[in-house]
Amino acid sequence: MDKAALAKRIKTVSYLTGQFRLRSGKVSSFYWDKYRFESDPRLLQAVVDELALLLPDAFDKLAGLELGGIPLATGLSLKTKKPCLYVRKTAKMYGTCNLVEGAFKEGETTVVVEDVITTGGQVTRSIRQMRELGLVIDRVICVIDREQGGRQNLEGIGCALHAAFTLEQIERLAQEVLC
């Protein structure tokens, strides 16, 4: 599936209008329901193929953030044969009490995988926590950057954001397919 067709498909499947409170606390008149593109195996495969183009040449691990980043990181892990980690919003209170699930060693270069980024608030918190555990993180990849400060907030902690689509791109590409 080419990028324009993928943009159209994602928008058709997961773009909702109405009144939505985002994780950042902001209210939006539209929402990207990522579970609608992550739960469709054909669409998920196309999204993973697009995200794979954003990966650096060398890295040790992929880190999927709870919850939407997990299927994306798993798909990328299957595609690249690189191990992935699953990152909780808060450490679980039982068993191993881990914040980061999966085996890792201090100093491993890790690419963070997320679905939709607005302000990047949770992503920056999670990166700080993973860095405290010894992981080296300087790159985040996502499906959609809503272009509402996430890129700048990630740059503020020394991370580059690479998005399969910015909000402007997905709108423009989806429209091109309609013409």
N, C-alpha and C. Protein backbone atom coordinates (compact mmCIF):
# COMPACT_ATOMS: atom_id res chain seq x y z
N MET A 1 0.86 -1.18 0.00
CA MET A 1 0.00 0.00 0.00
C MET A 1 0.90 1.23 0.00
N ASP A 2 0.68 2.16 -0.92
CA ASP A 2 1.52 3.36 -0.93
C ASP A 2 1.08 4.30 0.20
N LYS A 3 1.90 5.32 0.44
CA LYS A 3 1.69 6.19 1.60
C LYS A 3 0.36 6.95 1.53
N ALA A 4 -0.02 7.41 0.36
CA ALA A 4 -1.28 8.13 0.22
C ALA A 4 -2.47 7.21 0.50
N ALA A 5 -2.43 6.01 -0.02
CA ALA A 5 -3.51 5.05 0.23
C ALA A 5 -3.58 4.68 1.71
N LEU A 6 -2.41 4.56 2.34
CA LEU A 6 -2.37 4.26 3.78
C LEU A 6 -2.98 5.41 4.57
N ALA A 7 -2.63 6.63 4.22
CA ALA A 7 -3.21 7.80 4.90
C ALA A 7 -4.73 7.79 4.77
N LYS A 8 -5.23 7.54 3.59
CA LYS A 8 -6.68 7.49 3.36
C LYS A 8 -7.32 6.40 4.19
N ARG A 9 -6.71 5.24 4.22
CA ARG A 9 -7.27 4.10 4.96
C ARG A 9 -7.29 4.39 6.46
N ILE A 10 -6.19 4.93 6.99
CA ILE A 10 -6.14 5.27 8.42
C ILE A 10 -7.22 6.29 8.74
N LYS A 11 -7.33 7.32 7.91
CA LYS A 11 -8.33 8.35 8.18
C LYS A 11 -9.75 7.78 8.11
N THR A 12 -10.02 6.98 7.11
CA THR A 12 -11.35 6.38 6.95
C THR A 12 -11.72 5.52 8.17
N VAL A 13 -10.77 4.75 8.65
CA VAL A 13 -11.03 3.80 9.73
C VAL A 13 -11.02 4.45 11.10
N SER A 14 -10.15 5.42 11.34
CA SER A 14 -9.93 5.83 12.73
C SER A 14 -10.14 7.30 13.06
N TYR A 15 -10.51 8.12 12.10
CA TYR A 15 -10.72 9.54 12.36
C TYR A 15 -12.16 9.76 12.81
N LEU A 16 -12.32 10.25 14.04
CA LEU A 16 -13.65 10.48 14.61
C LEU A 16 -13.82 11.96 14.91
N THR A 17 -15.04 12.46 14.78
CA THR A 17 -15.32 13.85 15.13
C THR A 17 -16.32 13.87 16.28
N GLY A 18 -16.27 14.96 17.04
CA GLY A 18 -17.12 15.12 18.22
C GLY A 18 -16.35 15.93 19.26
N GLN A 19 -16.59 15.68 20.53
CA GLN A 19 -15.86 16.33 21.62
C GLN A 19 -15.07 15.24 22.36
N PHE A 20 -13.76 15.37 22.38
CA PHE A 20 -12.91 14.36 22.98
C PHE A 20 -11.89 15.00 23.91
N ARG A 21 -11.75 14.45 25.10
CA ARG A 21 -10.70 14.88 26.02
C ARG A 21 -9.49 13.99 25.74
N LEU A 22 -8.37 14.62 25.43
CA LEU A 22 -7.14 13.89 25.14
C LEU A 22 -6.37 13.61 26.43
N ARG A 23 -5.41 12.70 26.37
CA ARG A 23 -4.59 12.38 27.54
C ARG A 23 -3.92 13.63 28.10
N SER A 24 -3.59 14.57 27.23
CA SER A 24 -2.94 15.82 27.65
C SER A 24 -3.88 16.70 28.46
N GLY A 25 -5.19 16.37 28.45
CA GLY A 25 -6.18 17.20 29.12
C GLY A 25 -6.86 18.16 28.17
N LYS A 26 -6.28 18.35 26.99
CA LYS A 26 -6.89 19.23 26.00
C LYS A 26 -8.17 18.62 25.47
N VAL A 27 -9.08 19.48 25.03
CA VAL A 27 -10.31 19.04 24.39
C VAL A 27 -10.15 19.24 22.89
N SER A 28 -10.55 18.24 22.12
CA SER A 28 -10.39 18.30 20.67
C SER A 28 -11.71 17.96 19.99
N SER A 29 -11.90 18.53 18.81
CA SER A 29 -13.09 18.23 18.03
C SER A 29 -12.90 17.00 17.15
N PHE A 30 -11.69 16.42 17.19
CA PHE A 30 -11.44 15.19 16.44
C PHE A 30 -10.52 14.28 17.25
N TYR A 31 -10.56 13.01 16.91
CA TYR A 31 -9.80 12.01 17.65
C TYR A 31 -9.35 10.93 16.67
N TRP A 32 -8.12 10.48 16.85
CA TRP A 32 -7.60 9.35 16.07
C TRP A 32 -7.73 8.11 16.94
N ASP A 33 -8.70 7.25 16.64
CA ASP A 33 -8.88 6.01 17.41
C ASP A 33 -7.93 4.96 16.86
N LYS A 34 -6.73 4.97 17.43
CA LYS A 34 -5.65 4.11 16.93
C LYS A 34 -5.98 2.63 17.02
N TYR A 35 -6.85 2.25 17.94
CA TYR A 35 -7.19 0.84 18.06
C TYR A 35 -7.92 0.33 16.83
N ARG A 36 -8.53 1.23 16.09
CA ARG A 36 -9.21 0.83 14.86
C ARG A 36 -8.22 0.48 13.76
N PHE A 37 -7.04 1.11 13.73
CA PHE A 37 -6.06 0.70 12.72
C PHE A 37 -5.11 -0.35 13.28
N GLU A 38 -4.98 -0.43 14.59
CA GLU A 38 -4.09 -1.44 15.16
C GLU A 38 -4.75 -2.81 15.27
N SER A 39 -6.07 -2.86 15.27
CA SER A 39 -6.76 -4.14 15.42
C SER A 39 -7.11 -4.79 14.09
N ASP A 40 -6.87 -4.10 12.99
CA ASP A 40 -7.10 -4.64 11.65
C ASP A 40 -5.76 -5.18 11.15
N PRO A 41 -5.61 -6.51 11.00
CA PRO A 41 -4.29 -7.07 10.67
C PRO A 41 -3.67 -6.54 9.39
N ARG A 42 -4.46 -6.32 8.36
CA ARG A 42 -3.90 -5.83 7.10
C ARG A 42 -3.43 -4.38 7.24
N LEU A 43 -4.23 -3.59 7.92
CA LEU A 43 -3.87 -2.19 8.12
C LEU A 43 -2.69 -2.08 9.09
N LEU A 44 -2.70 -2.88 10.13
CA LEU A 44 -1.58 -2.89 11.07
C LEU A 44 -0.28 -3.24 10.34
N GLN A 45 -0.32 -4.22 9.46
CA GLN A 45 0.87 -4.61 8.70
C GLN A 45 1.37 -3.44 7.85
N ALA A 46 0.46 -2.73 7.20
CA ALA A 46 0.86 -1.59 6.37
C ALA A 46 1.45 -0.48 7.23
N VAL A 47 0.88 -0.23 8.40
CA VAL A 47 1.40 0.78 9.32
C VAL A 47 2.80 0.37 9.79
N VAL A 48 2.97 -0.88 10.17
CA VAL A 48 4.28 -1.37 10.61
C VAL A 48 5.31 -1.23 9.49
N ASP A 49 4.93 -1.55 8.27
CA ASP A 49 5.85 -1.40 7.13
C ASP A 49 6.30 0.05 6.99
N GLU A 50 5.37 0.99 7.17
CA GLU A 50 5.70 2.42 7.08
C GLU A 50 6.59 2.85 8.24
N LEU A 51 6.29 2.37 9.45
CA LEU A 51 7.11 2.71 10.62
C LEU A 51 8.53 2.16 10.49
N ALA A 52 8.66 1.00 9.88
CA ALA A 52 9.99 0.38 9.73
C ALA A 52 10.93 1.29 8.95
N LEU A 53 10.39 2.10 8.06
CA LEU A 53 11.21 3.04 7.28
C LEU A 53 11.82 4.13 8.16
N LEU A 54 11.27 4.32 9.35
CA LEU A 54 11.74 5.37 10.27
C LEU A 54 12.80 4.89 11.25
N LEU A 55 13.07 3.60 11.25
CA LEU A 55 14.05 3.05 12.20
C LEU A 55 15.47 3.39 11.79
N PRO A 56 16.33 3.63 12.77
CA PRO A 56 17.75 3.87 12.45
C PRO A 56 18.41 2.56 12.00
N ASP A 57 19.59 2.69 11.43
CA ASP A 57 20.31 1.50 10.97
C ASP A 57 20.70 0.59 12.13
N ALA A 58 21.06 1.19 13.26
CA ALA A 58 21.53 0.38 14.40
C ALA A 58 20.77 0.76 15.68
N PHE A 59 20.27 -0.24 16.36
CA PHE A 59 19.63 -0.09 17.67
C PHE A 59 19.49 -1.48 18.28
N ASP A 60 19.27 -1.53 19.57
CA ASP A 60 19.18 -2.81 20.27
C ASP A 60 17.75 -3.28 20.52
N LYS A 61 16.88 -2.35 20.93
CA LYS A 61 15.52 -2.74 21.35
C LYS A 61 14.49 -1.75 20.80
N LEU A 62 13.28 -2.23 20.74
CA LEU A 62 12.10 -1.40 20.48
C LEU A 62 11.32 -1.34 21.79
N ALA A 63 10.74 -0.20 22.10
CA ALA A 63 9.97 -0.08 23.34
C ALA A 63 8.57 0.44 23.00
N GLY A 64 7.58 -0.42 23.16
CA GLY A 64 6.19 -0.04 22.92
C GLY A 64 5.57 0.48 24.18
N LEU A 65 4.96 1.68 24.11
CA LEU A 65 4.34 2.27 25.28
C LEU A 65 2.91 1.77 25.41
N GLU A 66 2.53 1.54 26.66
CA GLU A 66 1.17 1.08 26.99
C GLU A 66 0.16 2.09 26.50
N LEU A 67 -0.79 1.76 25.85
CA LEU A 67 -1.23 0.49 25.32
C LEU A 67 -1.06 0.47 23.80
N GLY A 68 -1.24 1.61 23.18
CA GLY A 68 -1.23 1.65 21.72
C GLY A 68 0.11 1.36 21.07
N GLY A 69 1.21 1.64 21.76
CA GLY A 69 2.53 1.37 21.19
C GLY A 69 2.90 -0.10 21.20
N ILE A 70 2.21 -0.90 22.00
CA ILE A 70 2.58 -2.32 22.16
C ILE A 70 2.34 -3.13 20.88
N PRO A 71 1.17 -3.06 20.24
CA PRO A 71 1.03 -3.83 19.00
C PRO A 71 1.97 -3.35 17.89
N LEU A 72 2.25 -2.05 17.88
CA LEU A 72 3.17 -1.51 16.87
C LEU A 72 4.59 -2.03 17.10
N ALA A 73 5.05 -1.99 18.35
CA ALA A 73 6.39 -2.49 18.66
C ALA A 73 6.48 -3.99 18.40
N THR A 74 5.43 -4.73 18.72
CA THR A 74 5.43 -6.17 18.46
C THR A 74 5.51 -6.45 16.97
N GLY A 75 4.74 -5.72 16.17
CA GLY A 75 4.80 -5.88 14.72
C GLY A 75 6.18 -5.55 14.17
N LEU A 76 6.76 -4.45 14.67
CA LEU A 76 8.11 -4.08 14.23
C LEU A 76 9.15 -5.12 14.66
N SER A 77 8.97 -5.68 15.83
CA SER A 77 9.87 -6.72 16.31
C SER A 77 9.82 -7.95 15.40
N LEU A 78 8.63 -8.34 15.03
CA LEU A 78 8.48 -9.47 14.11
C LEU A 78 9.11 -9.17 12.75
N LYS A 79 8.97 -7.94 12.29
CA LYS A 79 9.50 -7.54 10.98
C LYS A 79 11.03 -7.44 10.99
N THR A 80 11.58 -6.82 12.05
CA THR A 80 13.01 -6.53 12.10
C THR A 80 13.84 -7.59 12.82
N LYS A 81 13.16 -8.47 13.55
CA LYS A 81 13.81 -9.49 14.40
C LYS A 81 14.56 -8.86 15.57
N LYS A 82 14.21 -7.62 15.92
CA LYS A 82 14.77 -6.95 17.09
C LYS A 82 13.83 -7.18 18.27
N PRO A 83 14.38 -7.44 19.45
CA PRO A 83 13.52 -7.65 20.62
C PRO A 83 12.79 -6.37 21.01
N CYS A 84 11.64 -6.56 21.64
CA CYS A 84 10.91 -5.38 22.09
C CYS A 84 10.64 -5.44 23.59
N LEU A 85 10.39 -4.27 24.12
CA LEU A 85 10.05 -4.09 25.52
C LEU A 85 8.64 -3.50 25.57
N TYR A 86 7.96 -3.77 26.67
CA TYR A 86 6.63 -3.21 26.88
C TYR A 86 6.71 -2.30 28.10
N VAL A 87 6.33 -1.04 27.90
CA VAL A 87 6.51 -0.03 28.94
C VAL A 87 5.15 0.36 29.51
N ARG A 88 5.01 0.17 30.82
CA ARG A 88 3.77 0.52 31.51
C ARG A 88 3.77 2.01 31.85
N LYS A 89 2.57 2.55 32.08
CA LYS A 89 2.48 3.94 32.54
C LYS A 89 2.97 4.04 33.98
N THR A 90 2.69 3.02 34.76
CA THR A 90 3.20 2.92 36.13
C THR A 90 3.60 1.48 36.37
N ALA A 91 4.60 1.30 37.23
CA ALA A 91 5.06 -0.06 37.54
C ALA A 91 3.92 -0.85 38.16
N LYS A 92 3.85 -2.12 37.80
CA LYS A 92 2.80 -2.94 38.39
C LYS A 92 3.10 -3.16 39.87
N MET A 93 2.08 -3.41 40.63
CA MET A 93 2.21 -3.49 42.09
C MET A 93 2.32 -4.93 42.59
N TYR A 94 2.56 -5.89 41.73
CA TYR A 94 2.63 -7.30 42.13
C TYR A 94 3.71 -7.99 41.31
N GLY A 95 4.01 -9.20 41.66
CA GLY A 95 4.99 -10.00 40.91
C GLY A 95 6.34 -9.31 40.86
N THR A 96 6.83 -9.04 39.68
CA THR A 96 8.15 -8.42 39.51
C THR A 96 8.14 -6.92 39.75
N CYS A 97 6.96 -6.32 39.78
CA CYS A 97 6.80 -4.87 39.98
C CYS A 97 7.55 -4.05 38.92
N ASN A 98 7.61 -4.57 37.73
CA ASN A 98 8.33 -3.90 36.64
C ASN A 98 7.56 -2.75 36.03
N LEU A 99 8.30 -1.74 35.62
CA LEU A 99 7.78 -0.67 34.78
C LEU A 99 7.97 -1.07 33.32
N VAL A 100 9.13 -1.68 33.04
CA VAL A 100 9.48 -2.12 31.69
C VAL A 100 9.51 -3.64 31.67
N GLU A 101 8.68 -4.23 30.84
CA GLU A 101 8.62 -5.69 30.73
C GLU A 101 9.48 -6.14 29.55
N GLY A 102 10.21 -7.21 29.76
CA GLY A 102 11.11 -7.75 28.74
C GLY A 102 12.55 -7.57 29.21
N ALA A 103 13.42 -8.41 28.69
CA ALA A 103 14.82 -8.38 29.12
C ALA A 103 15.58 -7.25 28.45
N PHE A 104 16.39 -6.56 29.25
CA PHE A 104 17.25 -5.50 28.71
C PHE A 104 18.45 -5.33 29.63
N LYS A 105 19.47 -4.67 29.06
CA LYS A 105 20.69 -4.38 29.82
C LYS A 105 20.94 -2.88 29.77
N GLU A 106 21.57 -2.40 30.79
CA GLU A 106 21.96 -0.99 30.83
C GLU A 106 22.81 -0.67 29.61
N GLY A 107 22.55 0.48 29.01
CA GLY A 107 23.33 0.93 27.86
C GLY A 107 22.77 0.54 26.51
N GLU A 108 21.70 -0.25 26.49
CA GLU A 108 21.13 -0.65 25.20
C GLU A 108 20.38 0.52 24.55
N THR A 109 20.63 0.69 23.26
CA THR A 109 19.98 1.75 22.49
C THR A 109 18.56 1.29 22.15
N THR A 110 17.60 2.12 22.51
CA THR A 110 16.19 1.74 22.39
C THR A 110 15.43 2.79 21.61
N VAL A 111 14.60 2.32 20.68
CA VAL A 111 13.71 3.20 19.93
C VAL A 111 12.32 3.07 20.54
N VAL A 112 11.76 4.20 20.94
CA VAL A 112 10.42 4.22 21.53
C VAL A 112 9.39 4.27 20.40
N VAL A 113 8.35 3.45 20.54
CA VAL A 113 7.30 3.34 19.53
C VAL A 113 5.97 3.76 20.15
N GLU A 114 5.31 4.71 19.51
CA GLU A 114 4.02 5.21 19.99
C GLU A 114 3.05 5.32 18.82
N ASP A 115 1.79 5.42 19.14
CA ASP A 115 0.77 5.49 18.09
C ASP A 115 0.53 6.94 17.67
N VAL A 116 -0.09 7.72 18.54
CA VAL A 116 -0.42 9.12 18.24
C VAL A 116 0.23 9.99 19.31
N ILE A 117 0.90 11.05 18.89
CA ILE A 117 1.53 11.97 19.84
C ILE A 117 0.90 13.34 19.69
N THR A 118 0.47 13.89 20.82
CA THR A 118 -0.08 15.24 20.84
C THR A 118 0.95 16.16 21.47
N THR A 119 1.02 16.20 22.78
CA THR A 119 2.02 17.02 23.47
C THR A 119 3.26 16.22 23.85
N GLY A 120 3.15 14.91 23.83
CA GLY A 120 4.28 14.06 24.19
C GLY A 120 4.47 13.91 25.69
N GLY A 121 3.49 14.32 26.48
CA GLY A 121 3.62 14.28 27.94
C GLY A 121 3.94 12.91 28.50
N GLN A 122 3.13 11.90 28.16
CA GLN A 122 3.38 10.55 28.69
C GLN A 122 4.66 9.97 28.11
N VAL A 123 4.92 10.25 26.85
CA VAL A 123 6.13 9.72 26.21
C VAL A 123 7.37 10.27 26.91
N THR A 124 7.41 11.55 27.19
CA THR A 124 8.59 12.13 27.85
C THR A 124 8.75 11.56 29.26
N ARG A 125 7.64 11.36 29.99
CA ARG A 125 7.73 10.74 31.32
C ARG A 125 8.30 9.33 31.23
N SER A 126 7.79 8.57 30.28
CA SER A 126 8.25 7.19 30.12
C SER A 126 9.72 7.14 29.72
N ILE A 127 10.15 8.04 28.84
CA ILE A 127 11.56 8.06 28.44
C ILE A 127 12.45 8.37 29.63
N ARG A 128 12.07 9.34 30.43
CA ARG A 128 12.86 9.66 31.63
C ARG A 128 12.98 8.44 32.53
N GLN A 129 11.89 7.73 32.72
CA GLN A 129 11.90 6.54 33.58
C GLN A 129 12.78 5.44 32.97
N MET A 130 12.71 5.23 31.67
CA MET A 130 13.54 4.21 31.03
C MET A 130 15.01 4.59 31.09
N ARG A 131 15.30 5.87 30.95
CA ARG A 131 16.69 6.31 31.07
C ARG A 131 17.22 6.07 32.47
N GLU A 132 16.37 6.25 33.48
CA GLU A 132 16.80 5.96 34.85
C GLU A 132 17.15 4.49 35.03
N LEU A 133 16.55 3.64 34.21
CA LEU A 133 16.85 2.20 34.25
C LEU A 133 18.08 1.86 33.41
N GLY A 134 18.67 2.86 32.75
CA GLY A 134 19.90 2.65 31.99
C GLY A 134 19.75 2.51 30.50
N LEU A 135 18.54 2.61 29.97
CA LEU A 135 18.37 2.53 28.52
C LEU A 135 18.77 3.85 27.87
N VAL A 136 19.34 3.76 26.69
CA VAL A 136 19.76 4.93 25.92
C VAL A 136 18.68 5.20 24.86
N ILE A 137 18.07 6.37 24.96
CA ILE A 137 16.95 6.69 24.07
C ILE A 137 17.14 8.09 23.49
N ASP A 138 17.17 8.15 22.15
CA ASP A 138 17.25 9.46 21.50
C ASP A 138 16.31 9.56 20.30
N ARG A 139 15.45 8.53 20.12
CA ARG A 139 14.55 8.52 18.97
C ARG A 139 13.20 7.94 19.38
N VAL A 140 12.14 8.63 18.91
CA VAL A 140 10.77 8.16 19.07
C VAL A 140 10.17 8.09 17.69
N ILE A 141 9.47 7.00 17.40
CA ILE A 141 8.73 6.92 16.15
C ILE A 141 7.25 6.77 16.49
N CYS A 142 6.41 7.36 15.64
CA CYS A 142 4.97 7.26 15.87
C CYS A 142 4.25 7.21 14.54
N VAL A 143 2.98 6.85 14.61
CA VAL A 143 2.17 6.82 13.40
C VAL A 143 1.72 8.23 13.03
N ILE A 144 1.15 8.95 14.02
CA ILE A 144 0.62 10.29 13.75
C ILE A 144 1.14 11.29 14.78
N ASP A 145 1.74 12.36 14.30
CA ASP A 145 2.12 13.50 15.14
C ASP A 145 1.03 14.55 14.94
N ARG A 146 0.26 14.81 15.99
CA ARG A 146 -0.84 15.79 15.89
C ARG A 146 -0.32 17.23 15.80
N GLU A 147 0.99 17.40 15.88
CA GLU A 147 1.62 18.72 15.73
C GLU A 147 1.10 19.73 16.76
N GLN A 148 1.07 19.29 18.02
CA GLN A 148 0.61 20.16 19.10
C GLN A 148 1.65 20.24 20.22
N GLY A 149 2.93 20.23 19.83
CA GLY A 149 4.00 20.43 20.80
C GLY A 149 4.78 19.19 21.16
N GLY A 150 4.35 18.03 20.73
CA GLY A 150 5.06 16.79 21.07
C GLY A 150 6.50 16.77 20.58
N ARG A 151 6.70 17.17 19.33
CA ARG A 151 8.06 17.18 18.76
C ARG A 151 8.99 18.08 19.58
N GLN A 152 8.51 19.27 19.91
CA GLN A 152 9.32 20.22 20.67
C GLN A 152 9.60 19.70 22.10
N ASN A 153 8.60 19.11 22.73
CA ASN A 153 8.80 18.58 24.07
C ASN A 153 9.79 17.42 24.07
N LEU A 154 9.75 16.59 23.05
CA LEU A 154 10.72 15.50 22.95
C LEU A 154 12.12 16.03 22.66
N GLU A 155 12.22 17.03 21.79
CA GLU A 155 13.53 17.64 21.54
C GLU A 155 14.11 18.21 22.83
N GLY A 156 13.23 18.71 23.70
CA GLY A 156 13.66 19.27 24.98
C GLY A 156 14.33 18.26 25.90
N ILE A 157 14.09 16.97 25.68
CA ILE A 157 14.77 15.95 26.49
C ILE A 157 15.78 15.16 25.64
N GLY A 158 16.11 15.72 24.49
CA GLY A 158 17.15 15.11 23.66
C GLY A 158 16.69 13.97 22.78
N CYS A 159 15.42 13.98 22.38
CA CYS A 159 14.89 12.93 21.50
C CYS A 159 14.35 13.54 20.22
N ALA A 160 14.61 12.85 19.12
CA ALA A 160 14.05 13.25 17.84
C ALA A 160 12.76 12.46 17.61
N LEU A 161 11.75 13.13 17.09
CA LEU A 161 10.49 12.47 16.76
C LEU A 161 10.44 12.25 15.25
N HIS A 162 10.17 11.02 14.86
CA HIS A 162 10.00 10.66 13.45
C HIS A 162 8.61 10.07 13.32
N ALA A 163 7.76 10.74 12.57
CA ALA A 163 6.37 10.33 12.42
C ALA A 163 6.12 9.80 11.01
N ALA A 164 5.36 8.73 10.93
CA ALA A 164 4.93 8.24 9.61
C ALA A 164 4.11 9.33 8.93
N PHE A 165 3.28 10.02 9.74
CA PHE A 165 2.45 11.11 9.23
C PHE A 165 2.36 12.23 10.25
N THR A 166 2.48 13.47 9.79
CA THR A 166 2.06 14.59 10.63
C THR A 166 0.57 14.77 10.34
N LEU A 167 -0.09 15.53 11.18
CA LEU A 167 -1.51 15.79 10.96
C LEU A 167 -1.73 16.41 9.58
N GLU A 168 -0.88 17.36 9.23
CA GLU A 168 -1.01 18.02 7.92
C GLU A 168 -0.82 17.01 6.78
N GLN A 169 0.17 16.14 6.90
CA GLN A 169 0.44 15.16 5.85
C GLN A 169 -0.71 14.19 5.65
N ILE A 170 -1.22 13.66 6.76
CA ILE A 170 -2.28 12.66 6.63
C ILE A 170 -3.53 13.28 6.01
N GLU A 171 -3.82 14.54 6.38
CA GLU A 171 -4.96 15.23 5.79
C GLU A 171 -4.74 15.44 4.28
N ARG A 172 -3.56 15.92 3.93
CA ARG A 172 -3.26 16.21 2.52
C ARG A 172 -3.25 14.92 1.67
N LEU A 173 -2.56 13.89 2.16
CA LEU A 173 -2.47 12.65 1.41
C LEU A 173 -3.81 11.95 1.27
N ALA A 174 -4.61 11.95 2.34
CA ALA A 174 -5.94 11.34 2.27
C ALA A 174 -6.81 12.09 1.26
N GLN A 175 -6.66 13.39 1.20
CA GLN A 175 -7.43 14.20 0.25
C GLN A 175 -6.99 13.92 -1.19
N GLU A 176 -5.69 13.73 -1.40
CA GLU A 176 -5.18 13.44 -2.75
C GLU A 176 -5.78 12.17 -3.30
N VAL A 177 -5.97 11.17 -2.45
CA VAL A 177 -6.53 9.91 -2.90
C VAL A 177 -7.98 10.10 -3.32
N LEU A 178 -8.69 11.05 -2.69
CA LEU A 178 -10.08 11.30 -3.02
C LEU A 178 -10.24 11.99 -4.36
N CYS A 179 -9.21 12.75 -4.76
CA CYS A 179 -9.32 13.53 -6.02
C CYS A 179 -9.14 12.66 -7.24
